[in-house]
Amino acid sequence: MIKKTLATLLALFAAAAFAAVDVNDASVADLDSIKGIGPGTSSKIVEQRQAAKFKDWDDLVQRVSGIGDKRAAKLSAEGLTVNGAAFKAGAVVKALAKPAPTTVPVKPAAPAAAAKP
């Protein structure tokens, strides 16, 4: 019985240690504790957050240079949230997305003249 109680308490402490870090409430130290965020990125986040809190992941990606969809997904997997929400792949729509490359139809090559025997 004591072992089960102790195991439950340890599990609760472990879960609390891996609690999500919200980008709008986190200190610089909290942001730095997320794998993938260093001093440069945390200072950019705090600087942008001083102007206005982040509305969602799209807002974070657009305002903080160096964070794109791929990095946002990794940071979210490490415990970073925006207003308590995890990053959802495909949710971020870039305003300055590059247009898809156009393809030029290629005319088939003319058939080679048949060789005479």
PDB file of N, CA and C in Angstrom:
ATOM      1  N   MET A   1       0.815  -1.189   0.000  1.00  0.00           N
ATOM      2  CA  MET A   1       0.000   0.000   0.000  1.00  0.00           C
ATOM      3  C   MET A   1       0.865   1.263   0.000  1.00  0.00           C
ATOM      4  N   ILE A   2       1.908   1.249   0.817  1.00  0.00           N
ATOM      5  CA  ILE A   2       2.797   2.407   0.891  1.00  0.00           C
ATOM      6  C   ILE A   2       3.542   2.577  -0.429  1.00  0.00           C
ATOM      7  N   LYS A   3       3.928   1.460  -1.051  1.00  0.00           N
ATOM      8  CA  LYS A   3       4.637   1.535  -2.327  1.00  0.00           C
ATOM      9  C   LYS A   3       3.752   2.152  -3.402  1.00  0.00           C
ATOM     10  N   LYS A   4       2.480   1.801  -3.419  1.00  0.00           N
ATOM     11  CA  LYS A   4       1.557   2.357  -4.416  1.00  0.00           C
ATOM     12  C   LYS A   4       1.364   3.851  -4.195  1.00  0.00           C
ATOM     13  N   THR A   5       1.240   4.260  -2.939  1.00  0.00           N
ATOM     14  CA  THR A   5       1.075   5.675  -2.621  1.00  0.00           C
ATOM     15  C   THR A   5       2.324   6.455  -3.019  1.00  0.00           C
ATOM     16  N   LEU A   6       3.470   5.908  -2.701  1.00  0.00           N
ATOM     17  CA  LEU A   6       4.728   6.558  -3.049  1.00  0.00           C
ATOM     18  C   LEU A   6       4.881   6.650  -4.567  1.00  0.00           C
ATOM     19  N   ALA A   7       4.546   5.590  -5.283  1.00  0.00           N
ATOM     20  CA  ALA A   7       4.638   5.593  -6.743  1.00  0.00           C
ATOM     21  C   ALA A   7       3.696   6.624  -7.342  1.00  0.00           C
ATOM     22  N   THR A   8       2.507   6.758  -6.778  1.00  0.00           N
ATOM     23  CA  THR A   8       1.545   7.748  -7.270  1.00  0.00           C
ATOM     24  C   THR A   8       2.057   9.163  -7.048  1.00  0.00           C
ATOM     25  N   LEU A   9       2.615   9.413  -5.872  1.00  0.00           N
ATOM     26  CA  LEU A   9       3.172  10.739  -5.587  1.00  0.00           C
ATOM     27  C   LEU A   9       4.334  11.072  -6.519  1.00  0.00           C
ATOM     28  N   LEU A  10       5.194  10.117  -6.766  1.00  0.00           N
ATOM     29  CA  LEU A  10       6.320  10.342  -7.675  1.00  0.00           C
ATOM     30  C   LEU A  10       5.820  10.623  -9.089  1.00  0.00           C
ATOM     31  N   ALA A  11       4.790   9.910  -9.512  1.00  0.00           N
ATOM     32  CA  ALA A  11       4.228  10.138 -10.843  1.00  0.00           C
ATOM     33  C   ALA A  11       3.646  11.547 -10.945  1.00  0.00           C
ATOM     34  N   LEU A  12       2.991  12.018  -9.893  1.00  0.00           N
ATOM     35  CA  LEU A  12       2.428  13.373  -9.894  1.00  0.00           C
ATOM     36  C   LEU A  12       3.533  14.432  -9.952  1.00  0.00           C
ATOM     37  N   PHE A  13       4.606  14.214  -9.207  1.00  0.00           N
ATOM     38  CA  PHE A  13       5.725  15.154  -9.243  1.00  0.00           C
ATOM     39  C   PHE A  13       6.393  15.169 -10.623  1.00  0.00           C
ATOM     40  N   ALA A  14       6.509  14.020 -11.233  1.00  0.00           N
ATOM     41  CA  ALA A  14       7.104  13.941 -12.567  1.00  0.00           C
ATOM     42  C   ALA A  14       6.229  14.661 -13.581  1.00  0.00           C
ATOM     43  N   ALA A  15       4.926  14.501 -13.476  1.00  0.00           N
ATOM     44  CA  ALA A  15       4.010  15.182 -14.398  1.00  0.00           C
ATOM     45  C   ALA A  15       4.073  16.694 -14.200  1.00  0.00           C
ATOM     46  N   ALA A  16       4.189  17.122 -12.957  1.00  0.00           N
ATOM     47  CA  ALA A  16       4.281  18.555 -12.676  1.00  0.00           C
ATOM     48  C   ALA A  16       5.585  19.137 -13.219  1.00  0.00           C
ATOM     49  N   ALA A  17       6.641  18.353 -13.192  1.00  0.00           N
ATOM     50  CA  ALA A  17       7.934  18.823 -13.698  1.00  0.00           C
ATOM     51  C   ALA A  17       7.902  19.016 -15.210  1.00  0.00           C
ATOM     52  N   PHE A  18       7.059  18.243 -15.896  1.00  0.00           N
ATOM     53  CA  PHE A  18       6.956  18.361 -17.348  1.00  0.00           C
ATOM     54  C   PHE A  18       5.748  19.211 -17.746  1.00  0.00           C
ATOM     55  N   ALA A  19       5.327  20.092 -16.857  1.00  0.00           N
ATOM     56  CA  ALA A  19       4.169  20.936 -17.140  1.00  0.00           C
ATOM     57  C   ALA A  19       4.474  21.842 -18.329  1.00  0.00           C
ATOM     58  N   ALA A  20       3.423  22.185 -19.030  1.00  0.00           N
ATOM     59  CA  ALA A  20       3.562  23.039 -20.205  1.00  0.00           C
ATOM     60  C   ALA A  20       4.024  24.436 -19.803  1.00  0.00           C
ATOM     61  N   VAL A  21       4.784  25.061 -20.686  1.00  0.00           N
ATOM     62  CA  VAL A  21       5.258  26.424 -20.491  1.00  0.00           C
ATOM     63  C   VAL A  21       4.536  27.292 -21.511  1.00  0.00           C
ATOM     64  N   ASP A  22       3.718  28.230 -21.015  1.00  0.00           N
ATOM     65  CA  ASP A  22       2.979  29.095 -21.927  1.00  0.00           C
ATOM     66  C   ASP A  22       3.842  30.298 -22.302  1.00  0.00           C
ATOM     67  N   VAL A  23       3.913  30.555 -23.584  1.00  0.00           N
ATOM     68  CA  VAL A  23       4.787  31.602 -24.111  1.00  0.00           C
ATOM     69  C   VAL A  23       4.392  32.995 -23.604  1.00  0.00           C
ATOM     70  N   ASN A  24       3.133  33.203 -23.265  1.00  0.00           N
ATOM     71  CA  ASN A  24       2.681  34.516 -22.796  1.00  0.00           C
ATOM     72  C   ASN A  24       2.933  34.763 -21.312  1.00  0.00           C
ATOM     73  N   ASP A  25       3.190  33.715 -20.548  1.00  0.00           N
ATOM     74  CA  ASP A  25       3.381  33.858 -19.107  1.00  0.00           C
ATOM     75  C   ASP A  25       4.780  33.480 -18.638  1.00  0.00           C
ATOM     76  N   ALA A  26       5.556  32.850 -19.472  1.00  0.00           N
ATOM     77  CA  ALA A  26       6.844  32.289 -19.071  1.00  0.00           C
ATOM     78  C   ALA A  26       7.911  33.368 -18.888  1.00  0.00           C
ATOM     79  N   SER A  27       8.776  33.110 -17.920  1.00  0.00           N
ATOM     80  CA  SER A  27       9.946  33.969 -17.736  1.00  0.00           C
ATOM     81  C   SER A  27      11.008  33.546 -18.751  1.00  0.00           C
ATOM     82  N   VAL A  28      12.072  34.312 -18.828  1.00  0.00           N
ATOM     83  CA  VAL A  28      13.175  33.961 -19.724  1.00  0.00           C
ATOM     84  C   VAL A  28      13.745  32.602 -19.333  1.00  0.00           C
ATOM     85  N   ALA A  29      13.862  32.354 -18.038  1.00  0.00           N
ATOM     86  CA  ALA A  29      14.388  31.069 -17.568  1.00  0.00           C
ATOM     87  C   ALA A  29      13.453  29.920 -17.949  1.00  0.00           C
ATOM     88  N   ASP A  30      12.144  30.151 -17.853  1.00  0.00           N
ATOM     89  CA  ASP A  30      11.179  29.122 -18.252  1.00  0.00           C
ATOM     90  C   ASP A  30      11.309  28.820 -19.738  1.00  0.00           C
ATOM     91  N   LEU A  31      11.435  29.866 -20.548  1.00  0.00           N
ATOM     92  CA  LEU A  31      11.572  29.671 -21.993  1.00  0.00           C
ATOM     93  C   LEU A  31      12.870  28.934 -22.313  1.00  0.00           C
ATOM     94  N   ASP A  32      13.943  29.308 -21.626  1.00  0.00           N
ATOM     95  CA  ASP A  32      15.235  28.648 -21.850  1.00  0.00           C
ATOM     96  C   ASP A  32      15.213  27.179 -21.444  1.00  0.00           C
ATOM     97  N   SER A  33      14.287  26.807 -20.569  1.00  0.00           N
ATOM     98  CA  SER A  33      14.203  25.410 -20.130  1.00  0.00           C
ATOM     99  C   SER A  33      13.611  24.501 -21.204  1.00  0.00           C
ATOM    100  N   ILE A  34      12.989  25.086 -22.216  1.00  0.00           N
ATOM    101  CA  ILE A  34      12.420  24.309 -23.316  1.00  0.00           C
ATOM    102  C   ILE A  34      13.544  23.936 -24.274  1.00  0.00           C
ATOM    103  N   LYS A  35      13.676  22.647 -24.577  1.00  0.00           N
ATOM    104  CA  LYS A  35      14.701  22.190 -25.513  1.00  0.00           C
ATOM    105  C   LYS A  35      14.415  22.816 -26.875  1.00  0.00           C
ATOM    106  N   GLY A  36      15.404  23.511 -27.429  1.00  0.00           N
ATOM    107  CA  GLY A  36      15.236  24.163 -28.727  1.00  0.00           C
ATOM    108  C   GLY A  36      15.121  25.671 -28.621  1.00  0.00           C
ATOM    109  N   ILE A  37      14.986  26.182 -27.391  1.00  0.00           N
ATOM    110  CA  ILE A  37      14.948  27.633 -27.187  1.00  0.00           C
ATOM    111  C   ILE A  37      16.190  28.023 -26.407  1.00  0.00           C
ATOM    112  N   GLY A  38      16.958  28.920 -26.994  1.00  0.00           N
ATOM    113  CA  GLY A  38      18.149  29.428 -26.333  1.00  0.00           C
ATOM    114  C   GLY A  38      17.955  30.883 -25.954  1.00  0.00           C
ATOM    115  N   PRO A  39      19.008  31.518 -25.477  1.00  0.00           N
ATOM    116  CA  PRO A  39      18.905  32.914 -25.049  1.00  0.00           C
ATOM    117  C   PRO A  39      18.455  33.869 -26.159  1.00  0.00           C
ATOM    118  N   GLY A  40      18.894  33.623 -27.384  1.00  0.00           N
ATOM    119  CA  GLY A  40      18.508  34.497 -28.493  1.00  0.00           C
ATOM    120  C   GLY A  40      17.021  34.437 -28.786  1.00  0.00           C
ATOM    121  N   THR A  41      16.490  33.228 -28.864  1.00  0.00           N
ATOM    122  CA  THR A  41      15.064  33.068 -29.159  1.00  0.00           C
ATOM    123  C   THR A  41      14.213  33.540 -27.995  1.00  0.00           C
ATOM    124  N   SER A  42      14.627  33.246 -26.769  1.00  0.00           N
ATOM    125  CA  SER A  42      13.818  33.677 -25.622  1.00  0.00           C
ATOM    126  C   SER A  42      13.770  35.199 -25.536  1.00  0.00           C
ATOM    127  N   SER A  43      14.872  35.871 -25.863  1.00  0.00           N
ATOM    128  CA  SER A  43      14.850  37.342 -25.830  1.00  0.00           C
ATOM    129  C   SER A  43      13.961  37.907 -26.936  1.00  0.00           C
ATOM    130  N   LYS A  44      13.941  37.256 -28.105  1.00  0.00           N
ATOM    131  CA  LYS A  44      13.041  37.692 -29.182  1.00  0.00           C
ATOM    132  C   LYS A  44      11.580  37.522 -28.765  1.00  0.00           C
ATOM    133  N   ILE A  45      11.287  36.402 -28.116  1.00  0.00           N
ATOM    134  CA  ILE A  45       9.912  36.142 -27.674  1.00  0.00           C
ATOM    135  C   ILE A  45       9.476  37.186 -26.655  1.00  0.00           C
ATOM    136  N   VAL A  46      10.319  37.445 -25.659  1.00  0.00           N
ATOM    137  CA  VAL A  46       9.973  38.411 -24.620  1.00  0.00           C
ATOM    138  C   VAL A  46       9.822  39.806 -25.218  1.00  0.00           C
ATOM    139  N   GLU A  47      10.696  40.160 -26.140  1.00  0.00           N
ATOM    140  CA  GLU A  47      10.618  41.472 -26.784  1.00  0.00           C
ATOM    141  C   GLU A  47       9.294  41.641 -27.530  1.00  0.00           C
ATOM    142  N   GLN A  48       8.918  40.644 -28.299  1.00  0.00           N
ATOM    143  CA  GLN A  48       7.660  40.705 -29.043  1.00  0.00           C
ATOM    144  C   GLN A  48       6.448  40.661 -28.109  1.00  0.00           C
ATOM    145  N   ARG A  49       6.563  39.913 -27.020  1.00  0.00           N
ATOM    146  CA  ARG A  49       5.469  39.798 -26.063  1.00  0.00           C
ATOM    147  C   ARG A  49       5.218  41.111 -25.338  1.00  0.00           C
ATOM    148  N   GLN A  50       6.264  41.943 -25.180  1.00  0.00           N
ATOM    149  CA  GLN A  50       6.092  43.244 -24.525  1.00  0.00           C
ATOM    150  C   GLN A  50       5.205  44.156 -25.359  1.00  0.00           C
ATOM    151  N   ALA A  51       5.268  44.018 -26.675  1.00  0.00           N
ATOM    152  CA  ALA A  51       4.410  44.819 -27.551  1.00  0.00           C
ATOM    153  C   ALA A  51       2.956  44.371 -27.422  1.00  0.00           C
ATOM    154  N   ALA A  52       2.738  43.080 -27.418  1.00  0.00           N
ATOM    155  CA  ALA A  52       1.396  42.503 -27.262  1.00  0.00           C
ATOM    156  C   ALA A  52       1.547  41.008 -27.052  1.00  0.00           C
ATOM    157  N   LYS A  53       0.651  40.433 -26.259  1.00  0.00           N
ATOM    158  CA  LYS A  53       0.689  38.986 -26.051  1.00  0.00           C
ATOM    159  C   LYS A  53       0.390  38.274 -27.358  1.00  0.00           C
ATOM    160  N   PHE A  54       0.876  37.057 -27.475  1.00  0.00           N
ATOM    161  CA  PHE A  54       0.641  36.257 -28.674  1.00  0.00           C
ATOM    162  C   PHE A  54      -0.781  35.706 -28.640  1.00  0.00           C
ATOM    163  N   LYS A  55      -1.487  35.857 -29.763  1.00  0.00           N
ATOM    164  CA  LYS A  55      -2.873  35.389 -29.845  1.00  0.00           C
ATOM    165  C   LYS A  55      -2.931  33.875 -30.031  1.00  0.00           C
ATOM    166  N   ASP A  56      -2.051  33.372 -30.899  1.00  0.00           N
ATOM    167  CA  ASP A  56      -2.049  31.947 -31.227  1.00  0.00           C
ATOM    168  C   ASP A  56      -0.699  31.604 -31.846  1.00  0.00           C
ATOM    169  N   TRP A  57      -0.551  30.353 -32.266  1.00  0.00           N
ATOM    170  CA  TRP A  57       0.716  29.918 -32.866  1.00  0.00           C
ATOM    171  C   TRP A  57       1.029  30.690 -34.136  1.00  0.00           C
ATOM    172  N   ASP A  58       0.017  31.008 -34.916  1.00  0.00           N
ATOM    173  CA  ASP A  58       0.219  31.766 -36.148  1.00  0.00           C
ATOM    174  C   ASP A  58       0.854  33.113 -35.837  1.00  0.00           C
ATOM    175  N   ASP A  59       0.362  33.770 -34.816  1.00  0.00           N
ATOM    176  CA  ASP A  59       0.897  35.061 -34.392  1.00  0.00           C
ATOM    177  C   ASP A  59       2.353  34.919 -33.943  1.00  0.00           C
ATOM    178  N   LEU A  60       2.657  33.873 -33.181  1.00  0.00           N
ATOM    179  CA  LEU A  60       4.033  33.632 -32.725  1.00  0.00           C
ATOM    180  C   LEU A  60       4.973  33.411 -33.904  1.00  0.00           C
ATOM    181  N   VAL A  61       4.559  32.575 -34.844  1.00  0.00           N
ATOM    182  CA  VAL A  61       5.406  32.259 -36.004  1.00  0.00           C
ATOM    183  C   VAL A  61       5.655  33.501 -36.854  1.00  0.00           C
ATOM    184  N   GLN A  62       4.655  34.336 -37.008  1.00  0.00           N
ATOM    185  CA  GLN A  62       4.812  35.534 -37.835  1.00  0.00           C
ATOM    186  C   GLN A  62       5.665  36.603 -37.167  1.00  0.00           C
ATOM    187  N   ARG A  63       5.603  36.711 -35.841  1.00  0.00           N
ATOM    188  CA  ARG A  63       6.292  37.796 -35.144  1.00  0.00           C
ATOM    189  C   ARG A  63       7.697  37.459 -34.660  1.00  0.00           C
ATOM    190  N   VAL A  64       8.009  36.195 -34.469  1.00  0.00           N
ATOM    191  CA  VAL A  64       9.333  35.823 -33.947  1.00  0.00           C
ATOM    192  C   VAL A  64      10.136  35.176 -35.072  1.00  0.00           C
ATOM    193  N   SER A  65      11.158  35.888 -35.525  1.00  0.00           N
ATOM    194  CA  SER A  65      11.992  35.351 -36.603  1.00  0.00           C
ATOM    195  C   SER A  65      12.737  34.125 -36.104  1.00  0.00           C
ATOM    196  N   GLY A  66      12.869  33.152 -36.990  1.00  0.00           N
ATOM    197  CA  GLY A  66      13.562  31.919 -36.635  1.00  0.00           C
ATOM    198  C   GLY A  66      12.619  30.811 -36.197  1.00  0.00           C
ATOM    199  N   ILE A  67      11.342  31.126 -36.027  1.00  0.00           N
ATOM    200  CA  ILE A  67      10.363  30.094 -35.683  1.00  0.00           C
ATOM    201  C   ILE A  67       9.410  29.943 -36.854  1.00  0.00           C
ATOM    202  N   GLY A  68       9.435  28.766 -37.440  1.00  0.00           N
ATOM    203  CA  GLY A  68       8.519  28.434 -38.526  1.00  0.00           C
ATOM    204  C   GLY A  68       7.665  27.256 -38.094  1.00  0.00           C
ATOM    205  N   ASP A  69       6.921  26.701 -39.032  1.00  0.00           N
ATOM    206  CA  ASP A  69       6.027  25.583 -38.724  1.00  0.00           C
ATOM    207  C   ASP A  69       6.775  24.397 -38.125  1.00  0.00           C
ATOM    208  N   LYS A  70       7.894  24.045 -38.732  1.00  0.00           N
ATOM    209  CA  LYS A  70       8.636  22.863 -38.294  1.00  0.00           C
ATOM    210  C   LYS A  70       9.178  23.053 -36.877  1.00  0.00           C
ATOM    211  N   ARG A  71       9.760  24.213 -36.627  1.00  0.00           N
ATOM    212  CA  ARG A  71      10.316  24.469 -35.296  1.00  0.00           C
ATOM    213  C   ARG A  71       9.192  24.625 -34.267  1.00  0.00           C
ATOM    214  N   ALA A  72       8.082  25.228 -34.669  1.00  0.00           N
ATOM    215  CA  ALA A  72       6.944  25.375 -33.758  1.00  0.00           C
ATOM    216  C   ALA A  72       6.436  24.008 -33.315  1.00  0.00           C
ATOM    217  N   ALA A  73       6.389  23.063 -34.244  1.00  0.00           N
ATOM    218  CA  ALA A  73       5.933  21.715 -33.902  1.00  0.00           C
ATOM    219  C   ALA A  73       6.885  21.063 -32.898  1.00  0.00           C
ATOM    220  N   LYS A  74       8.189  21.262 -33.097  1.00  0.00           N
ATOM    221  CA  LYS A  74       9.177  20.689 -32.167  1.00  0.00           C
ATOM    222  C   LYS A  74       9.086  21.339 -30.792  1.00  0.00           C
ATOM    223  N   LEU A  75       8.928  22.665 -30.754  1.00  0.00           N
ATOM    224  CA  LEU A  75       8.825  23.361 -29.474  1.00  0.00           C
ATOM    225  C   LEU A  75       7.563  22.949 -28.728  1.00  0.00           C
ATOM    226  N   SER A  76       6.482  22.766 -29.459  1.00  0.00           N
ATOM    227  CA  SER A  76       5.232  22.327 -28.857  1.00  0.00           C
ATOM    228  C   SER A  76       5.389  20.927 -28.262  1.00  0.00           C
ATOM    229  N   ALA A  77       6.094  20.062 -28.976  1.00  0.00           N
ATOM    230  CA  ALA A  77       6.333  18.707 -28.476  1.00  0.00           C
ATOM    231  C   ALA A  77       7.178  18.728 -27.201  1.00  0.00           C
ATOM    232  N   GLU A  78       7.997  19.760 -27.040  1.00  0.00           N
ATOM    233  CA  GLU A  78       8.833  19.893 -25.842  1.00  0.00           C
ATOM    234  C   GLU A  78       8.079  20.541 -24.678  1.00  0.00           C
ATOM    235  N   GLY A  79       6.842  21.012 -24.919  1.00  0.00           N
ATOM    236  CA  GLY A  79       6.033  21.557 -23.833  1.00  0.00           C
ATOM    237  C   GLY A  79       5.646  23.013 -23.965  1.00  0.00           C
ATOM    238  N   LEU A  80       6.016  23.684 -25.037  1.00  0.00           N
ATOM    239  CA  LEU A  80       5.652  25.090 -25.219  1.00  0.00           C
ATOM    240  C   LEU A  80       4.212  25.188 -25.707  1.00  0.00           C
ATOM    241  N   THR A  81       3.452  26.119 -25.147  1.00  0.00           N
ATOM    242  CA  THR A  81       2.081  26.362 -25.585  1.00  0.00           C
ATOM    243  C   THR A  81       1.886  27.851 -25.842  1.00  0.00           C
ATOM    244  N   VAL A  82       0.845  28.182 -26.584  1.00  0.00           N
ATOM    245  CA  VAL A  82       0.429  29.570 -26.768  1.00  0.00           C
ATOM    246  C   VAL A  82      -1.016  29.633 -26.289  1.00  0.00           C
ATOM    247  N   ASN A  83      -1.244  30.393 -25.232  1.00  0.00           N
ATOM    248  CA  ASN A  83      -2.566  30.469 -24.594  1.00  0.00           C
ATOM    249  C   ASN A  83      -3.084  29.077 -24.227  1.00  0.00           C
ATOM    250  N   GLY A  84      -2.190  28.214 -23.796  1.00  0.00           N
ATOM    251  CA  GLY A  84      -2.563  26.874 -23.363  1.00  0.00           C
ATOM    252  C   GLY A  84      -2.755  25.868 -24.485  1.00  0.00           C
ATOM    253  N   ALA A  85      -2.597  26.300 -25.725  1.00  0.00           N
ATOM    254  CA  ALA A  85      -2.828  25.408 -26.866  1.00  0.00           C
ATOM    255  C   ALA A  85      -1.514  24.902 -27.446  1.00  0.00           C
ATOM    256  N   ALA A  86      -1.500  23.633 -27.795  1.00  0.00           N
ATOM    257  CA  ALA A  86      -0.352  23.040 -28.473  1.00  0.00           C
ATOM    258  C   ALA A  86      -0.429  23.379 -29.962  1.00  0.00           C
ATOM    259  N   PHE A  87       0.699  23.295 -30.623  1.00  0.00           N
ATOM    260  CA  PHE A  87       0.759  23.563 -32.060  1.00  0.00           C
ATOM    261  C   PHE A  87       0.075  22.444 -32.815  1.00  0.00           C
ATOM    262  N   LYS A  88      -0.727  22.812 -33.779  1.00  0.00           N
ATOM    263  CA  LYS A  88      -1.378  21.827 -34.638  1.00  0.00           C
ATOM    264  C   LYS A  88      -0.812  21.994 -36.039  1.00  0.00           C
ATOM    265  N   ALA A  89      -0.245  20.937 -36.585  1.00  0.00           N
ATOM    266  CA  ALA A  89       0.363  20.989 -37.917  1.00  0.00           C
ATOM    267  C   ALA A  89      -0.664  21.447 -38.933  1.00  0.00           C
ATOM    268  N   GLY A  90      -0.252  22.362 -39.782  1.00  0.00           N
ATOM    269  CA  GLY A  90      -1.135  22.860 -40.833  1.00  0.00           C
ATOM    270  C   GLY A  90      -1.996  24.019 -40.373  1.00  0.00           C
ATOM    271  N   ALA A  91      -1.917  24.391 -39.089  1.00  0.00           N
ATOM    272  CA  ALA A  91      -2.754  25.474 -38.584  1.00  0.00           C
ATOM    273  C   ALA A  91      -2.193  26.840 -38.952  1.00  0.00           C
ATOM    274  N   VAL A  92      -0.901  26.909 -39.173  1.00  0.00           N
ATOM    275  CA  VAL A  92      -0.273  28.187 -39.469  1.00  0.00           C
ATOM    276  C   VAL A  92      -0.309  28.434 -40.967  1.00  0.00           C
ATOM    277  N   VAL A  93      -0.859  29.574 -41.334  1.00  0.00           N
ATOM    278  CA  VAL A  93      -0.913  29.955 -42.744  1.00  0.00           C
ATOM    279  C   VAL A  93      -0.011  31.162 -42.898  1.00  0.00           C
ATOM    280  N   LYS A  94       1.002  31.028 -43.713  1.00  0.00           N
ATOM    281  CA  LYS A  94       1.947  32.120 -43.892  1.00  0.00           C
ATOM    282  C   LYS A  94       1.399  33.161 -44.850  1.00  0.00           C
ATOM    283  N   ALA A  95       1.498  34.412 -44.458  1.00  0.00           N
ATOM    284  CA  ALA A  95       0.993  35.489 -45.297  1.00  0.00           C
ATOM    285  C   ALA A  95       1.847  35.670 -46.544  1.00  0.00           C
ATOM    286  N   LEU A  96       3.118  35.378 -46.414  1.00  0.00           N
ATOM    287  CA  LEU A  96       4.027  35.588 -47.540  1.00  0.00           C
ATOM    288  C   LEU A  96       4.489  34.267 -48.139  1.00  0.00           C
ATOM    289  N   ALA A  97       3.576  33.343 -48.266  1.00  0.00           N
ATOM    290  CA  ALA A  97       3.934  32.035 -48.816  1.00  0.00           C
ATOM    291  C   ALA A  97       4.370  32.181 -50.264  1.00  0.00           C
ATOM    292  N   LYS A  98       5.374  31.406 -50.628  1.00  0.00           N
ATOM    293  CA  LYS A  98       5.859  31.446 -52.008  1.00  0.00           C
ATOM    294  C   LYS A  98       4.852  30.751 -52.915  1.00  0.00           C
ATOM    295  N   PRO A  99       4.609  31.302 -54.101  1.00  0.00           N
ATOM    296  CA  PRO A  99       3.694  30.615 -55.011  1.00  0.00           C
ATOM    297  C   PRO A  99       4.322  29.312 -55.503  1.00  0.00           C
ATOM    298  N   ALA A 100       3.462  28.366 -55.804  1.00  0.00           N
ATOM    299  CA  ALA A 100       3.951  27.081 -56.301  1.00  0.00           C
ATOM    300  C   ALA A 100       4.618  27.284 -57.654  1.00  0.00           C
ATOM    301  N   PRO A 101       5.721  26.603 -57.900  1.00  0.00           N
ATOM    302  CA  PRO A 101       6.394  26.765 -59.186  1.00  0.00           C
ATOM    303  C   PRO A 101       5.498  26.241 -60.313  1.00  0.00           C
ATOM    304  N   THR A 102       5.525  26.978 -61.394  1.00  0.00           N
ATOM    305  CA  THR A 102       4.730  26.543 -62.533  1.00  0.00           C
ATOM    306  C   THR A 102       5.577  25.642 -63.416  1.00  0.00           C
ATOM    307  N   THR A 103       4.917  24.709 -64.041  1.00  0.00           N
ATOM    308  CA  THR A 103       5.643  23.816 -64.933  1.00  0.00           C
ATOM    309  C   THR A 103       5.336  24.204 -66.360  1.00  0.00           C
ATOM    310  N   VAL A 104       6.320  24.098 -67.192  1.00  0.00           N
ATOM    311  CA  VAL A 104       6.168  24.415 -68.604  1.00  0.00           C
ATOM    312  C   VAL A 104       6.028  23.096 -69.355  1.00  0.00           C
ATOM    313  N   PRO A 105       4.955  22.971 -70.145  1.00  0.00           N
ATOM    314  CA  PRO A 105       4.816  21.717 -70.885  1.00  0.00           C
ATOM    315  C   PRO A 105       5.961  21.551 -71.878  1.00  0.00           C
ATOM    316  N   VAL A 106       6.442  20.364 -71.949  1.00  0.00           N
ATOM    317  CA  VAL A 106       7.545  20.059 -72.859  1.00  0.00           C
ATOM    318  C   VAL A 106       6.984  19.299 -74.046  1.00  0.00           C
ATOM    319  N   LYS A 107       7.339  19.792 -75.234  1.00  0.00           N
ATOM    320  CA  LYS A 107       6.869  19.112 -76.441  1.00  0.00           C
ATOM    321  C   LYS A 107       7.665  17.823 -76.604  1.00  0.00           C
ATOM    322  N   PRO A 108       6.979  16.755 -76.997  1.00  0.00           N
ATOM    323  CA  PRO A 108       7.733  15.521 -77.214  1.00  0.00           C
ATOM    324  C   PRO A 108       8.697  15.687 -78.382  1.00  0.00           C
ATOM    325  N   ALA A 109       9.811  15.018 -78.279  1.00  0.00           N
ATOM    326  CA  ALA A 109      10.820  15.089 -79.337  1.00  0.00           C
ATOM    327  C   ALA A 109      10.258  14.475 -80.614  1.00  0.00           C
ATOM    328  N   ALA A 110      10.693  15.035 -81.738  1.00  0.00           N
ATOM    329  CA  ALA A 110      10.228  14.467 -83.027  1.00  0.00           C
ATOM    330  C   ALA A 110      10.802  13.071 -83.177  1.00  0.00           C
ATOM    331  N   PRO A 111      10.011  12.148 -83.739  1.00  0.00           N
ATOM    332  CA  PRO A 111      10.526  10.793 -83.893  1.00  0.00           C
ATOM    333  C   PRO A 111      11.717  10.775 -84.827  1.00  0.00           C
ATOM    334  N   ALA A 112      12.674   9.956 -84.474  1.00  0.00           N
ATOM    335  CA  ALA A 112      13.879   9.845 -85.301  1.00  0.00           C
ATOM    336  C   ALA A 112      13.500   9.188 -86.627  1.00  0.00           C
ATOM    337  N   ALA A 113      14.187   9.614 -87.669  1.00  0.00           N
ATOM    338  CA  ALA A 113      13.919   9.029 -89.008  1.00  0.00           C
ATOM    339  C   ALA A 113      14.310   7.562 -88.983  1.00  0.00           C
ATOM    340  N   ALA A 114      13.459   6.781 -89.573  1.00  0.00           N
ATOM    341  CA  ALA A 114      13.729   5.344 -89.610  1.00  0.00           C
ATOM    342  C   ALA A 114      14.947   5.091 -90.459  1.00  0.00           C
ATOM    343  N   ALA A 115      15.815   4.269 -89.947  1.00  0.00           N
ATOM    344  CA  ALA A 115      17.034   3.922 -90.684  1.00  0.00           C
ATOM    345  C   ALA A 115      16.690   2.937 -91.795  1.00  0.00           C
ATOM    346  N   LYS A 116      17.272   3.164 -92.976  1.00  0.00           N
ATOM    347  CA  LYS A 116      17.028   2.251 -94.108  1.00  0.00           C
ATOM    348  C   LYS A 116      18.045   1.140 -94.052  1.00  0.00           C
ATOM    349  N   PRO A 117      17.577  -0.106 -94.334  1.00  0.00           N
ATOM    350  CA  PRO A 117      18.520  -1.235 -94.289  1.00  0.00           C
ATOM    351  C   PRO A 117      19.480  -1.257 -95.401  1.00  0.00           C
TER     352      PRO A 117
END
